Amino acid sequence: MTGQLRGPWVVTLVFANLFNAYIAYGALLIPPQGIWDENTLTDIELASWLLIVSGALTALLTVSPVSRRAISRWWLALPLLFLAAGVARLQSIVYAYPMGPGD
């Protein structure tokens, strides 16, 4: 029975993790040009929030087949890594580029 369950779950989780990797590229690898670059900072914050939400949803989606032992526990590592990366990037942007008075 696990062989029948494994195929659809693996395909779904591979696509979800590829989507997370695409969002992580935008959140982690695009640097702002400076403190004045408000558009890029807003885009990075949005991508970080999307990475947090999609990482959490992918982790929740992964829990079901892992609990039924259809797939290995290691499948949980990647969504949790994306979730942690989104939180870390959001905190680093907030710390490195604080909003001044009137912003």
PDB file of N, CA and C in Angstrom:
ATOM      1  N   MET A   1       0.814  -1.194   0.000  1.00  0.00           N
ATOM      2  CA  MET A   1       0.000   0.000   0.000  1.00  0.00           C
ATOM      3  C   MET A   1       0.859   1.258   0.000  1.00  0.00           C
ATOM      4  N   THR A   2       2.013   1.205   0.635  1.00  0.00           N
ATOM      5  CA  THR A   2       2.838   2.410   0.651  1.00  0.00           C
ATOM      6  C   THR A   2       3.386   2.723  -0.727  1.00  0.00           C
ATOM      7  N   GLY A   3       3.571   1.722  -1.565  1.00  0.00           N
ATOM      8  CA  GLY A   3       4.039   1.980  -2.919  1.00  0.00           C
ATOM      9  C   GLY A   3       3.024   2.770  -3.730  1.00  0.00           C
ATOM     10  N   GLN A   4       1.732   2.503  -3.505  1.00  0.00           N
ATOM     11  CA  GLN A   4       0.689   3.243  -4.208  1.00  0.00           C
ATOM     12  C   GLN A   4       0.567   4.663  -3.686  1.00  0.00           C
ATOM     13  N   LEU A   5       0.827   4.864  -2.412  1.00  0.00           N
ATOM     14  CA  LEU A   5       0.731   6.201  -1.831  1.00  0.00           C
ATOM     15  C   LEU A   5       1.956   7.046  -2.120  1.00  0.00           C
ATOM     16  N   ARG A   6       3.084   6.403  -2.275  1.00  0.00           N
ATOM     17  CA  ARG A   6       4.338   7.132  -2.405  1.00  0.00           C
ATOM     18  C   ARG A   6       4.387   7.993  -3.660  1.00  0.00           C
ATOM     19  N   GLY A   7       3.954   7.497  -4.788  1.00  0.00           N
ATOM     20  CA  GLY A   7       4.057   8.223  -6.052  1.00  0.00           C
ATOM     21  C   GLY A   7       3.391   9.587  -6.062  1.00  0.00           C
ATOM     22  N   PRO A   8       2.086   9.672  -5.766  1.00  0.00           N
ATOM     23  CA  PRO A   8       1.432  10.993  -5.781  1.00  0.00           C
ATOM     24  C   PRO A   8       1.992  11.952  -4.735  1.00  0.00           C
ATOM     25  N   TRP A   9       2.345  11.437  -3.557  1.00  0.00           N
ATOM     26  CA  TRP A   9       2.895  12.315  -2.524  1.00  0.00           C
ATOM     27  C   TRP A   9       4.249  12.855  -2.930  1.00  0.00           C
ATOM     28  N   VAL A  10       5.071  12.005  -3.498  1.00  0.00           N
ATOM     29  CA  VAL A  10       6.409  12.449  -3.894  1.00  0.00           C
ATOM     30  C   VAL A  10       6.314  13.510  -4.984  1.00  0.00           C
ATOM     31  N   VAL A  11       5.458  13.300  -5.959  1.00  0.00           N
ATOM     32  CA  VAL A  11       5.305  14.284  -7.037  1.00  0.00           C
ATOM     33  C   VAL A  11       4.796  15.610  -6.478  1.00  0.00           C
ATOM     34  N   THR A  12       3.799  15.562  -5.617  1.00  0.00           N
ATOM     35  CA  THR A  12       3.251  16.781  -5.014  1.00  0.00           C
ATOM     36  C   THR A  12       4.299  17.511  -4.194  1.00  0.00           C
ATOM     37  N   LEU A  13       5.044  16.773  -3.382  1.00  0.00           N
ATOM     38  CA  LEU A  13       6.041  17.406  -2.518  1.00  0.00           C
ATOM     39  C   LEU A  13       7.235  17.927  -3.305  1.00  0.00           C
ATOM     40  N   VAL A  14       7.596  17.264  -4.385  1.00  0.00           N
ATOM     41  CA  VAL A  14       8.690  17.773  -5.220  1.00  0.00           C
ATOM     42  C   VAL A  14       8.290  19.111  -5.833  1.00  0.00           C
ATOM     43  N   PHE A  15       7.074  19.205  -6.352  1.00  0.00           N
ATOM     44  CA  PHE A  15       6.622  20.483  -6.920  1.00  0.00           C
ATOM     45  C   PHE A  15       6.503  21.567  -5.851  1.00  0.00           C
ATOM     46  N   ALA A  16       6.021  21.209  -4.671  1.00  0.00           N
ATOM     47  CA  ALA A  16       5.909  22.191  -3.588  1.00  0.00           C
ATOM     48  C   ALA A  16       7.288  22.681  -3.160  1.00  0.00           C
ATOM     49  N   ASN A  17       8.258  21.776  -3.082  1.00  0.00           N
ATOM     50  CA  ASN A  17       9.607  22.182  -2.688  1.00  0.00           C
ATOM     51  C   ASN A  17      10.310  22.972  -3.790  1.00  0.00           C
ATOM     52  N   LEU A  18      10.027  22.678  -5.045  1.00  0.00           N
ATOM     53  CA  LEU A  18      10.572  23.494  -6.134  1.00  0.00           C
ATOM     54  C   LEU A  18       9.991  24.906  -6.101  1.00  0.00           C
ATOM     55  N   PHE A  19       8.713  25.018  -5.789  1.00  0.00           N
ATOM     56  CA  PHE A  19       8.089  26.331  -5.634  1.00  0.00           C
ATOM     57  C   PHE A  19       8.732  27.090  -4.474  1.00  0.00           C
ATOM     58  N   ASN A  20       8.980  26.390  -3.370  1.00  0.00           N
ATOM     59  CA  ASN A  20       9.659  27.014  -2.229  1.00  0.00           C
ATOM     60  C   ASN A  20      11.069  27.453  -2.596  1.00  0.00           C
ATOM     61  N   ALA A  21      11.762  26.665  -3.392  1.00  0.00           N
ATOM     62  CA  ALA A  21      13.119  27.040  -3.805  1.00  0.00           C
ATOM     63  C   ALA A  21      13.094  28.287  -4.679  1.00  0.00           C
ATOM     64  N   TYR A  22      12.096  28.416  -5.519  1.00  0.00           N
ATOM     65  CA  TYR A  22      11.957  29.611  -6.358  1.00  0.00           C
ATOM     66  C   TYR A  22      11.715  30.850  -5.500  1.00  0.00           C
ATOM     67  N   ILE A  23      10.856  30.724  -4.512  1.00  0.00           N
ATOM     68  CA  ILE A  23      10.607  31.845  -3.602  1.00  0.00           C
ATOM     69  C   ILE A  23      11.856  32.149  -2.779  1.00  0.00           C
ATOM     70  N   ALA A  24      12.567  31.114  -2.353  1.00  0.00           N
ATOM     71  CA  ALA A  24      13.784  31.318  -1.560  1.00  0.00           C
ATOM     72  C   ALA A  24      14.839  32.068  -2.360  1.00  0.00           C
ATOM     73  N   TYR A  25      14.908  31.829  -3.653  1.00  0.00           N
ATOM     74  CA  TYR A  25      15.839  32.577  -4.489  1.00  0.00           C
ATOM     75  C   TYR A  25      15.548  34.069  -4.399  1.00  0.00           C
ATOM     76  N   GLY A  26      14.291  34.431  -4.521  1.00  0.00           N
ATOM     77  CA  GLY A  26      13.923  35.843  -4.437  1.00  0.00           C
ATOM     78  C   GLY A  26      14.150  36.430  -3.062  1.00  0.00           C
ATOM     79  N   ALA A  27      13.932  35.646  -2.042  1.00  0.00           N
ATOM     80  CA  ALA A  27      14.068  36.162  -0.681  1.00  0.00           C
ATOM     81  C   ALA A  27      15.518  36.237  -0.229  1.00  0.00           C
ATOM     82  N   LEU A  28      16.332  35.281  -0.634  1.00  0.00           N
ATOM     83  CA  LEU A  28      17.677  35.174  -0.067  1.00  0.00           C
ATOM     84  C   LEU A  28      18.785  35.735  -0.944  1.00  0.00           C
ATOM     85  N   LEU A  29      18.634  35.692  -2.245  1.00  0.00           N
ATOM     86  CA  LEU A  29      19.760  36.027  -3.112  1.00  0.00           C
ATOM     87  C   LEU A  29      19.668  37.388  -3.789  1.00  0.00           C
ATOM     88  N   ILE A  30      18.556  38.074  -3.661  1.00  0.00           N
ATOM     89  CA  ILE A  30      18.439  39.397  -4.272  1.00  0.00           C
ATOM     90  C   ILE A  30      18.761  40.444  -3.213  1.00  0.00           C
ATOM     91  N   PRO A  31      19.894  41.141  -3.341  1.00  0.00           N
ATOM     92  CA  PRO A  31      20.271  42.127  -2.321  1.00  0.00           C
ATOM     93  C   PRO A  31      19.689  43.505  -2.634  1.00  0.00           C
ATOM     94  N   PRO A  32      19.361  44.272  -1.604  1.00  0.00           N
ATOM     95  CA  PRO A  32      18.972  45.665  -1.848  1.00  0.00           C
ATOM     96  C   PRO A  32      20.204  46.493  -2.186  1.00  0.00           C
ATOM     97  N   GLN A  33      20.013  47.548  -2.959  1.00  0.00           N
ATOM     98  CA  GLN A  33      21.148  48.384  -3.351  1.00  0.00           C
ATOM     99  C   GLN A  33      21.571  49.324  -2.233  1.00  0.00           C
ATOM    100  N   GLY A  34      20.716  49.536  -1.285  1.00  0.00           N
ATOM    101  CA  GLY A  34      21.036  50.396  -0.154  1.00  0.00           C
ATOM    102  C   GLY A  34      19.815  50.586   0.713  1.00  0.00           C
ATOM    103  N   ILE A  35      19.979  51.383   1.764  1.00  0.00           N
ATOM    104  CA  ILE A  35      18.873  51.617   2.684  1.00  0.00           C
ATOM    105  C   ILE A  35      17.743  52.389   2.014  1.00  0.00           C
ATOM    106  N   TRP A  36      18.051  53.105   0.954  1.00  0.00           N
ATOM    107  CA  TRP A  36      17.066  53.899   0.237  1.00  0.00           C
ATOM    108  C   TRP A  36      16.242  53.068  -0.743  1.00  0.00           C
ATOM    109  N   ASP A  37      16.625  51.831  -1.003  1.00  0.00           N
ATOM    110  CA  ASP A  37      15.970  50.982  -2.006  1.00  0.00           C
ATOM    111  C   ASP A  37      14.723  50.317  -1.409  1.00  0.00           C
ATOM    112  N   GLU A  38      13.699  51.110  -1.213  1.00  0.00           N
ATOM    113  CA  GLU A  38      12.490  50.640  -0.533  1.00  0.00           C
ATOM    114  C   GLU A  38      11.741  49.582  -1.343  1.00  0.00           C
ATOM    115  N   ASN A  39      11.754  49.683  -2.656  1.00  0.00           N
ATOM    116  CA  ASN A  39      11.038  48.703  -3.481  1.00  0.00           C
ATOM    117  C   ASN A  39      11.632  47.308  -3.332  1.00  0.00           C
ATOM    118  N   THR A  40      12.946  47.205  -3.388  1.00  0.00           N
ATOM    119  CA  THR A  40      13.582  45.896  -3.251  1.00  0.00           C
ATOM    120  C   THR A  40      13.414  45.358  -1.838  1.00  0.00           C
ATOM    121  N   LEU A  41      13.510  46.223  -0.835  1.00  0.00           N
ATOM    122  CA  LEU A  41      13.312  45.780   0.545  1.00  0.00           C
ATOM    123  C   LEU A  41      11.893  45.251   0.754  1.00  0.00           C
ATOM    124  N   THR A  42      10.918  45.921   0.165  1.00  0.00           N
ATOM    125  CA  THR A  42       9.533  45.448   0.259  1.00  0.00           C
ATOM    126  C   THR A  42       9.372  44.110  -0.450  1.00  0.00           C
ATOM    127  N   ASP A  43      10.005  43.961  -1.608  1.00  0.00           N
ATOM    128  CA  ASP A  43       9.938  42.690  -2.334  1.00  0.00           C
ATOM    129  C   ASP A  43      10.589  41.560  -1.544  1.00  0.00           C
ATOM    130  N   ILE A  44      11.707  41.837  -0.894  1.00  0.00           N
ATOM    131  CA  ILE A  44      12.383  40.818  -0.087  1.00  0.00           C
ATOM    132  C   ILE A  44      11.516  40.424   1.104  1.00  0.00           C
ATOM    133  N   GLU A  45      10.896  41.408   1.746  1.00  0.00           N
ATOM    134  CA  GLU A  45      10.019  41.099   2.871  1.00  0.00           C
ATOM    135  C   GLU A  45       8.822  40.266   2.423  1.00  0.00           C
ATOM    136  N   LEU A  46       8.239  40.616   1.288  1.00  0.00           N
ATOM    137  CA  LEU A  46       7.116  39.843   0.762  1.00  0.00           C
ATOM    138  C   LEU A  46       7.546  38.414   0.431  1.00  0.00           C
ATOM    139  N   ALA A  47       8.686  38.267  -0.220  1.00  0.00           N
ATOM    140  CA  ALA A  47       9.184  36.930  -0.554  1.00  0.00           C
ATOM    141  C   ALA A  47       9.493  36.135   0.711  1.00  0.00           C
ATOM    142  N   SER A  48       9.992  36.799   1.742  1.00  0.00           N
ATOM    143  CA  SER A  48      10.269  36.108   3.007  1.00  0.00           C
ATOM    144  C   SER A  48       8.979  35.615   3.650  1.00  0.00           C
ATOM    145  N   TRP A  49       7.952  36.459   3.658  1.00  0.00           N
ATOM    146  CA  TRP A  49       6.663  36.035   4.206  1.00  0.00           C
ATOM    147  C   TRP A  49       6.059  34.896   3.386  1.00  0.00           C
ATOM    148  N   LEU A  50       6.163  34.982   2.061  1.00  0.00           N
ATOM    149  CA  LEU A  50       5.671  33.885   1.219  1.00  0.00           C
ATOM    150  C   LEU A  50       6.431  32.593   1.485  1.00  0.00           C
ATOM    151  N   LEU A  51       7.738  32.711   1.718  1.00  0.00           N
ATOM    152  CA  LEU A  51       8.549  31.530   2.018  1.00  0.00           C
ATOM    153  C   LEU A  51       8.146  30.928   3.359  1.00  0.00           C
ATOM    154  N   ILE A  52       7.850  31.764   4.335  1.00  0.00           N
ATOM    155  CA  ILE A  52       7.406  31.269   5.636  1.00  0.00           C
ATOM    156  C   ILE A  52       6.077  30.527   5.501  1.00  0.00           C
ATOM    157  N   VAL A  53       5.133  31.136   4.813  1.00  0.00           N
ATOM    158  CA  VAL A  53       3.805  30.529   4.671  1.00  0.00           C
ATOM    159  C   VAL A  53       3.871  29.257   3.832  1.00  0.00           C
ATOM    160  N   SER A  54       4.560  29.306   2.706  1.00  0.00           N
ATOM    161  CA  SER A  54       4.623  28.113   1.850  1.00  0.00           C
ATOM    162  C   SER A  54       5.454  27.006   2.498  1.00  0.00           C
ATOM    163  N   GLY A  55       6.486  27.373   3.261  1.00  0.00           N
ATOM    164  CA  GLY A  55       7.247  26.358   3.991  1.00  0.00           C
ATOM    165  C   GLY A  55       6.403  25.681   5.052  1.00  0.00           C
ATOM    166  N   ALA A  56       5.588  26.465   5.760  1.00  0.00           N
ATOM    167  CA  ALA A  56       4.709  25.891   6.779  1.00  0.00           C
ATOM    168  C   ALA A  56       3.642  24.998   6.144  1.00  0.00           C
ATOM    169  N   LEU A  57       3.054  25.456   5.034  1.00  0.00           N
ATOM    170  CA  LEU A  57       2.039  24.640   4.358  1.00  0.00           C
ATOM    171  C   LEU A  57       2.633  23.354   3.793  1.00  0.00           C
ATOM    172  N   THR A  58       3.833  23.446   3.243  1.00  0.00           N
ATOM    173  CA  THR A  58       4.486  22.245   2.721  1.00  0.00           C
ATOM    174  C   THR A  58       4.837  21.286   3.851  1.00  0.00           C
ATOM    175  N   ALA A  59       5.266  21.821   4.989  1.00  0.00           N
ATOM    176  CA  ALA A  59       5.561  20.962   6.141  1.00  0.00           C
ATOM    177  C   ALA A  59       4.292  20.265   6.631  1.00  0.00           C
ATOM    178  N   LEU A  60       3.181  21.001   6.683  1.00  0.00           N
ATOM    179  CA  LEU A  60       1.919  20.378   7.084  1.00  0.00           C
ATOM    180  C   LEU A  60       1.468  19.329   6.075  1.00  0.00           C
ATOM    181  N   LEU A  61       1.702  19.591   4.807  1.00  0.00           N
ATOM    182  CA  LEU A  61       1.363  18.629   3.763  1.00  0.00           C
ATOM    183  C   LEU A  61       2.244  17.380   3.858  1.00  0.00           C
ATOM    184  N   THR A  62       3.461  17.551   4.329  1.00  0.00           N
ATOM    185  CA  THR A  62       4.409  16.445   4.425  1.00  0.00           C
ATOM    186  C   THR A  62       4.133  15.559   5.636  1.00  0.00           C
ATOM    187  N   VAL A  63       3.524  16.107   6.666  1.00  0.00           N
ATOM    188  CA  VAL A  63       3.307  15.349   7.903  1.00  0.00           C
ATOM    189  C   VAL A  63       2.410  14.135   7.665  1.00  0.00           C
ATOM    190  N   SER A  64       1.402  14.273   6.843  1.00  0.00           N
ATOM    191  CA  SER A  64       0.462  13.175   6.623  1.00  0.00           C
ATOM    192  C   SER A  64       1.124  11.921   6.047  1.00  0.00           C
ATOM    193  N   PRO A  65       1.849  11.995   4.931  1.00  0.00           N
ATOM    194  CA  PRO A  65       2.475  10.761   4.435  1.00  0.00           C
ATOM    195  C   PRO A  65       3.614  10.266   5.324  1.00  0.00           C
ATOM    196  N   VAL A  66       4.270  11.168   6.038  1.00  0.00           N
ATOM    197  CA  VAL A  66       5.337  10.727   6.945  1.00  0.00           C
ATOM    198  C   VAL A  66       4.735   9.949   8.106  1.00  0.00           C
ATOM    199  N   SER A  67       3.602  10.410   8.634  1.00  0.00           N
ATOM    200  CA  SER A  67       2.976   9.710   9.759  1.00  0.00           C
ATOM    201  C   SER A  67       2.443   8.340   9.347  1.00  0.00           C
ATOM    202  N   ARG A  68       2.070   8.192   8.086  1.00  0.00           N
ATOM    203  CA  ARG A  68       1.623   6.891   7.584  1.00  0.00           C
ATOM    204  C   ARG A  68       2.776   6.046   7.057  1.00  0.00           C
ATOM    205  N   ARG A  69       3.980   6.561   7.181  1.00  0.00           N
ATOM    206  CA  ARG A  69       5.211   5.896   6.747  1.00  0.00           C
ATOM    207  C   ARG A  69       5.226   5.596   5.241  1.00  0.00           C
ATOM    208  N   ALA A  70       4.540   6.435   4.476  1.00  0.00           N
ATOM    209  CA  ALA A  70       4.577   6.292   3.022  1.00  0.00           C
ATOM    210  C   ALA A  70       5.874   6.862   2.466  1.00  0.00           C
ATOM    211  N   ILE A  71       6.416   7.875   3.145  1.00  0.00           N
ATOM    212  CA  ILE A  71       7.702   8.456   2.755  1.00  0.00           C
ATOM    213  C   ILE A  71       8.558   8.601   4.008  1.00  0.00           C
ATOM    214  N   SER A  72       9.830   8.848   3.803  1.00  0.00           N
ATOM    215  CA  SER A  72      10.788   8.945   4.902  1.00  0.00           C
ATOM    216  C   SER A  72      10.619  10.245   5.685  1.00  0.00           C
ATOM    217  N   ARG A  73      11.102  10.235   6.931  1.00  0.00           N
ATOM    218  CA  ARG A  73      11.061  11.438   7.767  1.00  0.00           C
ATOM    219  C   ARG A  73      11.926  12.554   7.212  1.00  0.00           C
ATOM    220  N   TRP A  74      12.897  12.222   6.393  1.00  0.00           N
ATOM    221  CA  TRP A  74      13.797  13.241   5.843  1.00  0.00           C
ATOM    222  C   TRP A  74      13.078  14.214   4.915  1.00  0.00           C
ATOM    223  N   TRP A  75      11.908  13.847   4.446  1.00  0.00           N
ATOM    224  CA  TRP A  75      11.135  14.764   3.607  1.00  0.00           C
ATOM    225  C   TRP A  75      10.692  15.999   4.381  1.00  0.00           C
ATOM    226  N   LEU A  76      10.646  15.915   5.702  1.00  0.00           N
ATOM    227  CA  LEU A  76      10.276  17.077   6.517  1.00  0.00           C
ATOM    228  C   LEU A  76      11.402  18.100   6.622  1.00  0.00           C
ATOM    229  N   ALA A  77      12.622  17.694   6.350  1.00  0.00           N
ATOM    230  CA  ALA A  77      13.771  18.589   6.543  1.00  0.00           C
ATOM    231  C   ALA A  77      13.726  19.793   5.601  1.00  0.00           C
ATOM    232  N   LEU A  78      13.414  19.584   4.356  1.00  0.00           N
ATOM    233  CA  LEU A  78      13.453  20.678   3.383  1.00  0.00           C
ATOM    234  C   LEU A  78      12.391  21.757   3.643  1.00  0.00           C
ATOM    235  N   PRO A  79      11.126  21.412   3.899  1.00  0.00           N
ATOM    236  CA  PRO A  79      10.166  22.481   4.212  1.00  0.00           C
ATOM    237  C   PRO A  79      10.526  23.243   5.486  1.00  0.00           C
ATOM    238  N   LEU A  80      11.040  22.538   6.488  1.00  0.00           N
ATOM    239  CA  LEU A  80      11.433  23.220   7.721  1.00  0.00           C
ATOM    240  C   LEU A  80      12.647  24.105   7.496  1.00  0.00           C
ATOM    241  N   LEU A  81      13.533  23.691   6.606  1.00  0.00           N
ATOM    242  CA  LEU A  81      14.680  24.526   6.250  1.00  0.00           C
ATOM    243  C   LEU A  81      14.216  25.798   5.534  1.00  0.00           C
ATOM    244  N   PHE A  82      13.275  25.666   4.617  1.00  0.00           N
ATOM    245  CA  PHE A  82      12.724  26.847   3.943  1.00  0.00           C
ATOM    246  C   PHE A  82      12.014  27.768   4.933  1.00  0.00           C
ATOM    247  N   LEU A  83      11.293  27.190   5.865  1.00  0.00           N
ATOM    248  CA  LEU A  83      10.610  27.982   6.885  1.00  0.00           C
ATOM    249  C   LEU A  83      11.613  28.764   7.726  1.00  0.00           C
ATOM    250  N   ALA A  84      12.668  28.099   8.168  1.00  0.00           N
ATOM    251  CA  ALA A  84      13.698  28.771   8.970  1.00  0.00           C
ATOM    252  C   ALA A  84      14.432  29.832   8.155  1.00  0.00           C
ATOM    253  N   ALA A  85      14.681  29.560   6.882  1.00  0.00           N
ATOM    254  CA  ALA A  85      15.364  30.544   6.032  1.00  0.00           C
ATOM    255  C   ALA A  85      14.504  31.788   5.838  1.00  0.00           C
ATOM    256  N   GLY A  86      13.207  31.612   5.687  1.00  0.00           N
ATOM    257  CA  GLY A  86      12.316  32.762   5.552  1.00  0.00           C
ATOM    258  C   GLY A  86      12.286  33.615   6.803  1.00  0.00           C
ATOM    259  N   VAL A  87      12.236  32.971   7.963  1.00  0.00           N
ATOM    260  CA  VAL A  87      12.241  33.712   9.227  1.00  0.00           C
ATOM    261  C   VAL A  87      13.567  34.437   9.410  1.00  0.00           C
ATOM    262  N   ALA A  88      14.672  33.753   9.115  1.00  0.00           N
ATOM    263  CA  ALA A  88      15.994  34.368   9.283  1.00  0.00           C
ATOM    264  C   ALA A  88      16.176  35.558   8.345  1.00  0.00           C
ATOM    265  N   ARG A  89      15.748  35.432   7.104  1.00  0.00           N
ATOM    266  CA  ARG A  89      15.905  36.542   6.155  1.00  0.00           C
ATOM    267  C   ARG A  89      15.027  37.726   6.542  1.00  0.00           C
ATOM    268  N   LEU A  90      13.821  37.454   6.993  1.00  0.00           N
ATOM    269  CA  LEU A  90      12.940  38.538   7.417  1.00  0.00           C
ATOM    270  C   LEU A  90      13.536  39.273   8.616  1.00  0.00           C
ATOM    271  N   GLN A  91      14.071  38.537   9.564  1.00  0.00           N
ATOM    272  CA  GLN A  91      14.680  39.174  10.731  1.00  0.00           C
ATOM    273  C   GLN A  91      15.939  39.939  10.353  1.00  0.00           C
ATOM    274  N   SER A  92      16.719  39.414   9.421  1.00  0.00           N
ATOM    275  CA  SER A  92      17.942  40.127   9.027  1.00  0.00           C
ATOM    276  C   SER A  92      17.615  41.424   8.289  1.00  0.00           C
ATOM    277  N   ILE A  93      16.567  41.428   7.480  1.00  0.00           N
ATOM    278  CA  ILE A  93      16.162  42.655   6.786  1.00  0.00           C
ATOM    279  C   ILE A  93      15.641  43.684   7.782  1.00  0.00           C
ATOM    280  N   VAL A  94      14.838  43.245   8.733  1.00  0.00           N
ATOM    281  CA  VAL A  94      14.305  44.170   9.735  1.00  0.00           C
ATOM    282  C   VAL A  94      15.436  44.741  10.587  1.00  0.00           C
ATOM    283  N   TYR A  95      16.439  43.919  10.905  1.00  0.00           N
ATOM    284  CA  TYR A  95      17.558  44.374  11.730  1.00  0.00           C
ATOM    285  C   TYR A  95      18.518  45.271  10.940  1.00  0.00           C
ATOM    286  N   ALA A  96      18.825  44.898   9.714  1.00  0.00           N
ATOM    287  CA  ALA A  96      19.827  45.639   8.936  1.00  0.00           C
ATOM    288  C   ALA A  96      19.275  46.931   8.340  1.00  0.00           C
ATOM    289  N   TYR A  97      17.985  46.969   8.058  1.00  0.00           N
ATOM    290  CA  TYR A  97      17.375  48.147   7.434  1.00  0.00           C
ATOM    291  C   TYR A  97      16.164  48.594   8.251  1.00  0.00           C
ATOM    292  N   PRO A  98      16.399  49.153   9.436  1.00  0.00           N
ATOM    293  CA  PRO A  98      15.254  49.568  10.262  1.00  0.00           C
ATOM    294  C   PRO A  98      14.538  50.764   9.640  1.00  0.00           C
ATOM    295  N   MET A  99      13.271  50.843   9.904  1.00  0.00           N
ATOM    296  CA  MET A  99      12.485  51.977   9.403  1.00  0.00           C
ATOM    297  C   MET A  99      12.715  53.167  10.321  1.00  0.00           C
ATOM    298  N   GLY A 100      13.008  54.295   9.733  1.00  0.00           N
ATOM    299  CA  GLY A 100      13.236  55.509  10.501  1.00  0.00           C
ATOM    300  C   GLY A 100      11.934  56.219  10.815  1.00  0.00           C
ATOM    301  N   PRO A 101      12.014  57.328  11.536  1.00  0.00           N
ATOM    302  CA  PRO A 101      10.799  58.082  11.841  1.00  0.00           C
ATOM    303  C   PRO A 101      10.186  58.656  10.565  1.00  0.00           C
ATOM    304  N   GLY A 102       8.888  58.508  10.457  1.00  0.00           N
ATOM    305  CA  GLY A 102       8.189  59.028   9.289  1.00  0.00           C
ATOM    306  C   GLY A 102       8.145  58.072   8.117  1.00  0.00           C
ATOM    307  N   ASP A 103       8.724  56.869   8.242  1.00  0.00           N
ATOM    308  CA  ASP A 103       8.713  55.904   7.137  1.00  0.00           C
ATOM    309  C   ASP A 103       7.508  55.014   7.218  1.00  0.00           C
TER     310      ASP A 103
END
